[in-house]
Amino acid sequence: MSWLQYAATRRQRAATACLFLTGAALIAAAARLSYANIEPQRAKAAQRRKVLEDFIARKRAAVAGPGAEAGAGSHPQPDAPKT
């Protein structure tokens, strides 16, 4: 027993091809829009990260108290990368 007992008509093959091409076009359009929006999203993420780092630095400075040097806390500063 075969999977398809009857051959598809010309109209059915045309409809299948149309639906396939429509789906492929929609996927291609979605991929293009997705890649077009990557840079603005990266910029927003970088800005959020900078704001968060500044906030944490202010909180650490407040906890360390006035007159405390930067990096004089209980955690040592990491070494500079070797080049």
PDB file of N, CA and C in Angstrom:
ATOM      1  N   MET A   1       0.847  -1.181   0.000  1.00  0.00           N
ATOM      2  CA  MET A   1       0.000   0.000   0.000  1.00  0.00           C
ATOM      3  C   MET A   1       0.888   1.238   0.000  1.00  0.00           C
ATOM      4  N   SER A   2       0.603   2.132  -0.863  1.00  0.00           N
ATOM      5  CA  SER A   2       1.419   3.338  -0.972  1.00  0.00           C
ATOM      6  C   SER A   2       0.839   4.447  -0.097  1.00  0.00           C
ATOM      7  N   TRP A   3       1.665   5.447   0.131  1.00  0.00           N
ATOM      8  CA  TRP A   3       1.241   6.558   0.982  1.00  0.00           C
ATOM      9  C   TRP A   3       0.154   7.368   0.297  1.00  0.00           C
ATOM     10  N   LEU A   4       0.347   7.702  -0.948  1.00  0.00           N
ATOM     11  CA  LEU A   4      -0.669   8.415  -1.717  1.00  0.00           C
ATOM     12  C   LEU A   4      -1.261   7.457  -2.748  1.00  0.00           C
ATOM     13  N   GLN A   5      -2.521   7.188  -2.623  1.00  0.00           N
ATOM     14  CA  GLN A   5      -3.142   6.253  -3.558  1.00  0.00           C
ATOM     15  C   GLN A   5      -3.503   6.933  -4.870  1.00  0.00           C
ATOM     16  N   TYR A   6      -3.715   8.244  -4.836  1.00  0.00           N
ATOM     17  CA  TYR A   6      -4.109   8.971  -6.035  1.00  0.00           C
ATOM     18  C   TYR A   6      -3.097  10.079  -6.299  1.00  0.00           C
ATOM     19  N   ALA A   7      -2.779  10.274  -7.542  1.00  0.00           N
ATOM     20  CA  ALA A   7      -1.858  11.351  -7.910  1.00  0.00           C
ATOM     21  C   ALA A   7      -2.565  12.695  -7.729  1.00  0.00           C
ATOM     22  N   ALA A   8      -1.800  13.689  -7.311  1.00  0.00           N
ATOM     23  CA  ALA A   8      -2.368  15.020  -7.117  1.00  0.00           C
ATOM     24  C   ALA A   8      -2.683  15.642  -8.474  1.00  0.00           C
ATOM     25  N   THR A   9      -3.768  16.385  -8.497  1.00  0.00           N
ATOM     26  CA  THR A   9      -4.130  17.072  -9.735  1.00  0.00           C
ATOM     27  C   THR A   9      -3.226  18.287  -9.918  1.00  0.00           C
ATOM     28  N   ARG A  10      -3.258  18.845 -11.090  1.00  0.00           N
ATOM     29  CA  ARG A  10      -2.450  20.031 -11.382  1.00  0.00           C
ATOM     30  C   ARG A  10      -2.836  21.175 -10.442  1.00  0.00           C
ATOM     31  N   ARG A  11      -4.107  21.321 -10.173  1.00  0.00           N
ATOM     32  CA  ARG A  11      -4.586  22.391  -9.287  1.00  0.00           C
ATOM     33  C   ARG A  11      -4.089  22.172  -7.854  1.00  0.00           C
ATOM     34  N   GLN A  12      -4.095  20.931  -7.395  1.00  0.00           N
ATOM     35  CA  GLN A  12      -3.618  20.641  -6.042  1.00  0.00           C
ATOM     36  C   GLN A  12      -2.115  20.899  -5.924  1.00  0.00           C
ATOM     37  N   ARG A  13      -1.365  20.516  -6.953  1.00  0.00           N
ATOM     38  CA  ARG A  13       0.078  20.778  -6.936  1.00  0.00           C
ATOM     39  C   ARG A  13       0.355  22.279  -6.942  1.00  0.00           C
ATOM     40  N   ALA A  14      -0.422  23.031  -7.708  1.00  0.00           N
ATOM     41  CA  ALA A  14      -0.253  24.486  -7.749  1.00  0.00           C
ATOM     42  C   ALA A  14      -0.580  25.102  -6.392  1.00  0.00           C
ATOM     43  N   ALA A  15      -1.650  24.627  -5.755  1.00  0.00           N
ATOM     44  CA  ALA A  15      -2.025  25.146  -4.437  1.00  0.00           C
ATOM     45  C   ALA A  15      -0.946  24.817  -3.408  1.00  0.00           C
ATOM     46  N   THR A  16      -0.403  23.608  -3.471  1.00  0.00           N
ATOM     47  CA  THR A  16       0.663  23.217  -2.551  1.00  0.00           C
ATOM     48  C   THR A  16       1.895  24.094  -2.754  1.00  0.00           C
ATOM     49  N   ALA A  17       2.257  24.323  -4.007  1.00  0.00           N
ATOM     50  CA  ALA A  17       3.419  25.171  -4.303  1.00  0.00           C
ATOM     51  C   ALA A  17       3.190  26.593  -3.813  1.00  0.00           C
ATOM     52  N   CYS A  18       1.978  27.115  -4.013  1.00  0.00           N
ATOM     53  CA  CYS A  18       1.662  28.474  -3.544  1.00  0.00           C
ATOM     54  C   CYS A  18       1.773  28.576  -2.024  1.00  0.00           C
ATOM     55  N   LEU A  19       1.218  27.612  -1.327  1.00  0.00           N
ATOM     56  CA  LEU A  19       1.275  27.639   0.136  1.00  0.00           C
ATOM     57  C   LEU A  19       2.715  27.507   0.629  1.00  0.00           C
ATOM     58  N   PHE A  20       3.485  26.645  -0.016  1.00  0.00           N
ATOM     59  CA  PHE A  20       4.880  26.485   0.373  1.00  0.00           C
ATOM     60  C   PHE A  20       5.650  27.788   0.176  1.00  0.00           C
ATOM     61  N   LEU A  21       5.481  28.415  -0.983  1.00  0.00           N
ATOM     62  CA  LEU A  21       6.188  29.667  -1.265  1.00  0.00           C
ATOM     63  C   LEU A  21       5.737  30.792  -0.342  1.00  0.00           C
ATOM     64  N   THR A  22       4.449  30.821  -0.006  1.00  0.00           N
ATOM     65  CA  THR A  22       3.950  31.831   0.934  1.00  0.00           C
ATOM     66  C   THR A  22       4.595  31.647   2.304  1.00  0.00           C
ATOM     67  N   GLY A  23       4.664  30.408   2.773  1.00  0.00           N
ATOM     68  CA  GLY A  23       5.304  30.127   4.059  1.00  0.00           C
ATOM     69  C   GLY A  23       6.776  30.497   4.056  1.00  0.00           C
ATOM     70  N   ALA A  24       7.474  30.152   2.972  1.00  0.00           N
ATOM     71  CA  ALA A  24       8.895  30.486   2.872  1.00  0.00           C
ATOM     72  C   ALA A  24       9.098  31.999   2.858  1.00  0.00           C
ATOM     73  N   ALA A  25       8.218  32.728   2.169  1.00  0.00           N
ATOM     74  CA  ALA A  25       8.325  34.189   2.127  1.00  0.00           C
ATOM     75  C   ALA A  25       8.076  34.801   3.509  1.00  0.00           C
ATOM     76  N   LEU A  26       7.110  34.266   4.238  1.00  0.00           N
ATOM     77  CA  LEU A  26       6.838  34.776   5.586  1.00  0.00           C
ATOM     78  C   LEU A  26       8.018  34.527   6.519  1.00  0.00           C
ATOM     79  N   ILE A  27       8.617  33.356   6.423  1.00  0.00           N
ATOM     80  CA  ILE A  27       9.780  33.050   7.260  1.00  0.00           C
ATOM     81  C   ILE A  27      10.943  33.972   6.905  1.00  0.00           C
ATOM     82  N   ALA A  28      11.162  34.199   5.618  1.00  0.00           N
ATOM     83  CA  ALA A  28      12.249  35.088   5.190  1.00  0.00           C
ATOM     84  C   ALA A  28      12.008  36.520   5.669  1.00  0.00           C
ATOM     85  N   ALA A  29      10.772  36.987   5.590  1.00  0.00           N
ATOM     86  CA  ALA A  29      10.453  38.347   6.044  1.00  0.00           C
ATOM     87  C   ALA A  29      10.660  38.473   7.554  1.00  0.00           C
ATOM     88  N   ALA A  30      10.249  37.463   8.303  1.00  0.00           N
ATOM     89  CA  ALA A  30      10.423  37.498   9.758  1.00  0.00           C
ATOM     90  C   ALA A  30      11.903  37.486  10.128  1.00  0.00           C
ATOM     91  N   ALA A  31      12.695  36.685   9.423  1.00  0.00           N
ATOM     92  CA  ALA A  31      14.133  36.646   9.704  1.00  0.00           C
ATOM     93  C   ALA A  31      14.778  37.996   9.405  1.00  0.00           C
ATOM     94  N   ARG A  32      14.372  38.626   8.320  1.00  0.00           N
ATOM     95  CA  ARG A  32      14.938  39.937   7.968  1.00  0.00           C
ATOM     96  C   ARG A  32      14.581  40.982   9.017  1.00  0.00           C
ATOM     97  N   LEU A  33      13.332  40.992   9.455  1.00  0.00           N
ATOM     98  CA  LEU A  33      12.925  41.945  10.490  1.00  0.00           C
ATOM     99  C   LEU A  33      13.650  41.674  11.802  1.00  0.00           C
ATOM    100  N   SER A  34      13.869  40.414  12.116  1.00  0.00           N
ATOM    101  CA  SER A  34      14.570  40.065  13.343  1.00  0.00           C
ATOM    102  C   SER A  34      15.999  40.595  13.311  1.00  0.00           C
ATOM    103  N   TYR A  35      16.693  40.386  12.204  1.00  0.00           N
ATOM    104  CA  TYR A  35      18.062  40.879  12.095  1.00  0.00           C
ATOM    105  C   TYR A  35      18.114  42.399  12.029  1.00  0.00           C
ATOM    106  N   ALA A  36      17.090  43.030  11.493  1.00  0.00           N
ATOM    107  CA  ALA A  36      17.070  44.489  11.410  1.00  0.00           C
ATOM    108  C   ALA A  36      16.959  45.118  12.796  1.00  0.00           C
ATOM    109  N   ASN A  37      16.393  44.394  13.752  1.00  0.00           N
ATOM    110  CA  ASN A  37      16.182  44.946  15.090  1.00  0.00           C
ATOM    111  C   ASN A  37      17.259  44.547  16.086  1.00  0.00           C
ATOM    112  N   ILE A  38      18.307  43.871  15.641  1.00  0.00           N
ATOM    113  CA  ILE A  38      19.332  43.414  16.579  1.00  0.00           C
ATOM    114  C   ILE A  38      20.119  44.586  17.166  1.00  0.00           C
ATOM    115  N   GLU A  39      20.584  45.502  16.333  1.00  0.00           N
ATOM    116  CA  GLU A  39      21.426  46.597  16.828  1.00  0.00           C
ATOM    117  C   GLU A  39      20.710  47.490  17.841  1.00  0.00           C
ATOM    118  N   PRO A  40      19.462  47.909  17.604  1.00  0.00           N
ATOM    119  CA  PRO A  40      18.794  48.695  18.644  1.00  0.00           C
ATOM    120  C   PRO A  40      18.652  47.930  19.961  1.00  0.00           C
ATOM    121  N   GLN A  41      18.418  46.624  19.874  1.00  0.00           N
ATOM    122  CA  GLN A  41      18.297  45.831  21.095  1.00  0.00           C
ATOM    123  C   GLN A  41      19.632  45.748  21.820  1.00  0.00           C
ATOM    124  N   ARG A  42      20.717  45.592  21.073  1.00  0.00           N
ATOM    125  CA  ARG A  42      22.042  45.556  21.697  1.00  0.00           C
ATOM    126  C   ARG A  42      22.364  46.889  22.360  1.00  0.00           C
ATOM    127  N   ALA A  43      22.003  47.981  21.721  1.00  0.00           N
ATOM    128  CA  ALA A  43      22.257  49.301  22.297  1.00  0.00           C
ATOM    129  C   ALA A  43      21.474  49.482  23.596  1.00  0.00           C
ATOM    130  N   LYS A  44      20.220  49.039  23.601  1.00  0.00           N
ATOM    131  CA  LYS A  44      19.419  49.139  24.825  1.00  0.00           C
ATOM    132  C   LYS A  44      20.015  48.290  25.937  1.00  0.00           C
ATOM    133  N   ALA A  45      20.467  47.092  25.608  1.00  0.00           N
ATOM    134  CA  ALA A  45      21.058  46.211  26.616  1.00  0.00           C
ATOM    135  C   ALA A  45      22.346  46.812  27.169  1.00  0.00           C
ATOM    136  N   ALA A  46      23.158  47.408  26.311  1.00  0.00           N
ATOM    137  CA  ALA A  46      24.398  48.035  26.770  1.00  0.00           C
ATOM    138  C   ALA A  46      24.098  49.217  27.687  1.00  0.00           C
ATOM    139  N   GLN A  47      23.090  49.999  27.347  1.00  0.00           N
ATOM    140  CA  GLN A  47      22.709  51.137  28.188  1.00  0.00           C
ATOM    141  C   GLN A  47      22.194  50.661  29.543  1.00  0.00           C
ATOM    142  N   ARG A  48      21.370  49.608  29.546  1.00  0.00           N
ATOM    143  CA  ARG A  48      20.879  49.064  30.822  1.00  0.00           C
ATOM    144  C   ARG A  48      22.034  48.555  31.669  1.00  0.00           C
ATOM    145  N   ARG A  49      22.996  47.878  31.036  1.00  0.00           N
ATOM    146  CA  ARG A  49      24.143  47.350  31.772  1.00  0.00           C
ATOM    147  C   ARG A  49      24.953  48.489  32.386  1.00  0.00           C
ATOM    148  N   LYS A  50      25.147  49.582  31.627  1.00  0.00           N
ATOM    149  CA  LYS A  50      25.910  50.722  32.139  1.00  0.00           C
ATOM    150  C   LYS A  50      25.190  51.374  33.317  1.00  0.00           C
ATOM    151  N   VAL A  51      23.880  51.531  33.206  1.00  0.00           N
ATOM    152  CA  VAL A  51      23.102  52.115  34.303  1.00  0.00           C
ATOM    153  C   VAL A  51      23.196  51.230  35.541  1.00  0.00           C
ATOM    154  N   LEU A  52      23.095  49.921  35.355  1.00  0.00           N
ATOM    155  CA  LEU A  52      23.176  49.000  36.484  1.00  0.00           C
ATOM    156  C   LEU A  52      24.561  49.036  37.124  1.00  0.00           C
ATOM    157  N   GLU A  53      25.613  49.068  36.312  1.00  0.00           N
ATOM    158  CA  GLU A  53      26.968  49.138  36.861  1.00  0.00           C
ATOM    159  C   GLU A  53      27.181  50.433  37.637  1.00  0.00           C
ATOM    160  N   ASP A  54      26.670  51.546  37.126  1.00  0.00           N
ATOM    161  CA  ASP A  54      26.778  52.822  37.842  1.00  0.00           C
ATOM    162  C   ASP A  54      26.019  52.773  39.164  1.00  0.00           C
ATOM    163  N   PHE A  55      24.842  52.163  39.148  1.00  0.00           N
ATOM    164  CA  PHE A  55      24.038  52.037  40.361  1.00  0.00           C
ATOM    165  C   PHE A  55      24.778  51.208  41.408  1.00  0.00           C
ATOM    166  N   ILE A  56      25.340  50.088  40.980  1.00  0.00           N
ATOM    167  CA  ILE A  56      26.071  49.227  41.915  1.00  0.00           C
ATOM    168  C   ILE A  56      27.302  49.950  42.450  1.00  0.00           C
ATOM    169  N   ALA A  57      27.990  50.698  41.601  1.00  0.00           N
ATOM    170  CA  ALA A  57      29.167  51.445  42.059  1.00  0.00           C
ATOM    171  C   ALA A  57      28.774  52.488  43.102  1.00  0.00           C
ATOM    172  N   ARG A  58      27.642  53.175  42.889  1.00  0.00           N
ATOM    173  CA  ARG A  58      27.181  54.162  43.880  1.00  0.00           C
ATOM    174  C   ARG A  58      26.831  53.476  45.196  1.00  0.00           C
ATOM    175  N   LYS A  59      26.179  52.311  45.129  1.00  0.00           N
ATOM    176  CA  LYS A  59      25.816  51.601  46.357  1.00  0.00           C
ATOM    177  C   LYS A  59      27.056  51.124  47.098  1.00  0.00           C
ATOM    178  N   ARG A  60      28.047  50.622  46.366  1.00  0.00           N
ATOM    179  CA  ARG A  60      29.280  50.172  47.013  1.00  0.00           C
ATOM    180  C   ARG A  60      30.006  51.337  47.670  1.00  0.00           C
ATOM    181  N   ALA A  61      30.001  52.490  46.999  1.00  0.00           N
ATOM    182  CA  ALA A  61      30.651  53.666  47.575  1.00  0.00           C
ATOM    183  C   ALA A  61      29.916  54.109  48.835  1.00  0.00           C
ATOM    184  N   ALA A  62      28.588  54.010  48.835  1.00  0.00           N
ATOM    185  CA  ALA A  62      27.812  54.409  50.009  1.00  0.00           C
ATOM    186  C   ALA A  62      28.059  53.451  51.169  1.00  0.00           C
ATOM    187  N   VAL A  63      28.189  52.166  50.881  1.00  0.00           N
ATOM    188  CA  VAL A  63      28.422  51.175  51.932  1.00  0.00           C
ATOM    189  C   VAL A  63      29.831  51.324  52.493  1.00  0.00           C
ATOM    190  N   ALA A  64      30.800  51.631  51.631  1.00  0.00           N
ATOM    191  CA  ALA A  64      32.187  51.772  52.073  1.00  0.00           C
ATOM    192  C   ALA A  64      32.349  52.982  52.986  1.00  0.00           C
ATOM    193  N   GLY A  65      31.486  53.966  52.821  1.00  0.00           N
ATOM    194  CA  GLY A  65      31.548  55.143  53.673  1.00  0.00           C
ATOM    195  C   GLY A  65      32.422  56.226  53.074  1.00  0.00           C
ATOM    196  N   PRO A  66      32.317  57.420  53.644  1.00  0.00           N
ATOM    197  CA  PRO A  66      33.107  58.541  53.123  1.00  0.00           C
ATOM    198  C   PRO A  66      34.592  58.335  53.415  1.00  0.00           C
ATOM    199  N   GLY A  67      35.412  58.775  52.494  1.00  0.00           N
ATOM    200  CA  GLY A  67      36.858  58.681  52.684  1.00  0.00           C
ATOM    201  C   GLY A  67      37.442  57.342  52.296  1.00  0.00           C
ATOM    202  N   ALA A  68      36.620  56.376  51.948  1.00  0.00           N
ATOM    203  CA  ALA A  68      37.134  55.065  51.555  1.00  0.00           C
ATOM    204  C   ALA A  68      37.647  55.139  50.120  1.00  0.00           C
ATOM    205  N   GLU A  69      38.772  54.495  49.898  1.00  0.00           N
ATOM    206  CA  GLU A  69      39.344  54.506  48.557  1.00  0.00           C
ATOM    207  C   GLU A  69      38.624  53.492  47.682  1.00  0.00           C
ATOM    208  N   ALA A  70      38.617  53.753  46.400  1.00  0.00           N
ATOM    209  CA  ALA A  70      38.019  52.809  45.464  1.00  0.00           C
ATOM    210  C   ALA A  70      38.871  51.551  45.441  1.00  0.00           C
ATOM    211  N   GLY A  71      38.254  50.423  45.593  1.00  0.00           N
ATOM    212  CA  GLY A  71      38.979  49.161  45.562  1.00  0.00           C
ATOM    213  C   GLY A  71      39.574  48.771  46.895  1.00  0.00           C
ATOM    214  N   ALA A  72      39.310  49.523  47.952  1.00  0.00           N
ATOM    215  CA  ALA A  72      39.879  49.215  49.252  1.00  0.00           C
ATOM    216  C   ALA A  72      38.964  48.303  50.059  1.00  0.00           C
ATOM    217  N   GLY A  73      37.953  47.737  49.432  1.00  0.00           N
ATOM    218  CA  GLY A  73      37.018  46.861  50.120  1.00  0.00           C
ATOM    219  C   GLY A  73      37.623  45.497  50.382  1.00  0.00           C
ATOM    220  N   SER A  74      36.789  44.553  50.733  1.00  0.00           N
ATOM    221  CA  SER A  74      37.265  43.218  51.060  1.00  0.00           C
ATOM    222  C   SER A  74      37.595  42.399  49.822  1.00  0.00           C
ATOM    223  N   HIS A  75      37.159  42.851  48.654  1.00  0.00           N
ATOM    224  CA  HIS A  75      37.412  42.108  47.422  1.00  0.00           C
ATOM    225  C   HIS A  75      38.562  42.759  46.666  1.00  0.00           C
ATOM    226  N   PRO A  76      39.600  41.990  46.353  1.00  0.00           N
ATOM    227  CA  PRO A  76      40.713  42.579  45.598  1.00  0.00           C
ATOM    228  C   PRO A  76      40.313  42.849  44.155  1.00  0.00           C
ATOM    229  N   GLN A  77      40.970  43.832  43.559  1.00  0.00           N
ATOM    230  CA  GLN A  77      40.713  44.151  42.158  1.00  0.00           C
ATOM    231  C   GLN A  77      41.370  43.090  41.284  1.00  0.00           C
ATOM    232  N   PRO A  78      40.724  42.699  40.200  1.00  0.00           N
ATOM    233  CA  PRO A  78      41.342  41.708  39.314  1.00  0.00           C
ATOM    234  C   PRO A  78      42.552  42.306  38.601  1.00  0.00           C
ATOM    235  N   ASP A  79      43.487  41.432  38.257  1.00  0.00           N
ATOM    236  CA  ASP A  79      44.678  41.885  37.548  1.00  0.00           C
ATOM    237  C   ASP A  79      44.311  42.354  36.157  1.00  0.00           C
ATOM    238  N   ALA A  80      45.113  43.274  35.642  1.00  0.00           N
ATOM    239  CA  ALA A  80      44.900  43.756  34.275  1.00  0.00           C
ATOM    240  C   ALA A  80      45.228  42.623  33.305  1.00  0.00           C
ATOM    241  N   PRO A  81      44.513  42.545  32.192  1.00  0.00           N
ATOM    242  CA  PRO A  81      44.805  41.475  31.234  1.00  0.00           C
ATOM    243  C   PRO A  81      46.209  41.618  30.659  1.00  0.00           C
ATOM    244  N   LYS A  82      46.874  40.480  30.510  1.00  0.00           N
ATOM    245  CA  LYS A  82      48.236  40.481  29.975  1.00  0.00           C
ATOM    246  C   LYS A  82      48.171  40.494  28.461  1.00  0.00           C
ATOM    247  N   THR A  83      48.998  41.349  27.882  1.00  0.00           N
ATOM    248  CA  THR A  83      49.013  41.427  26.409  1.00  0.00           C
ATOM    249  C   THR A  83      50.313  40.930  25.862  1.00  0.00           C
TER     250      THR A  83
END
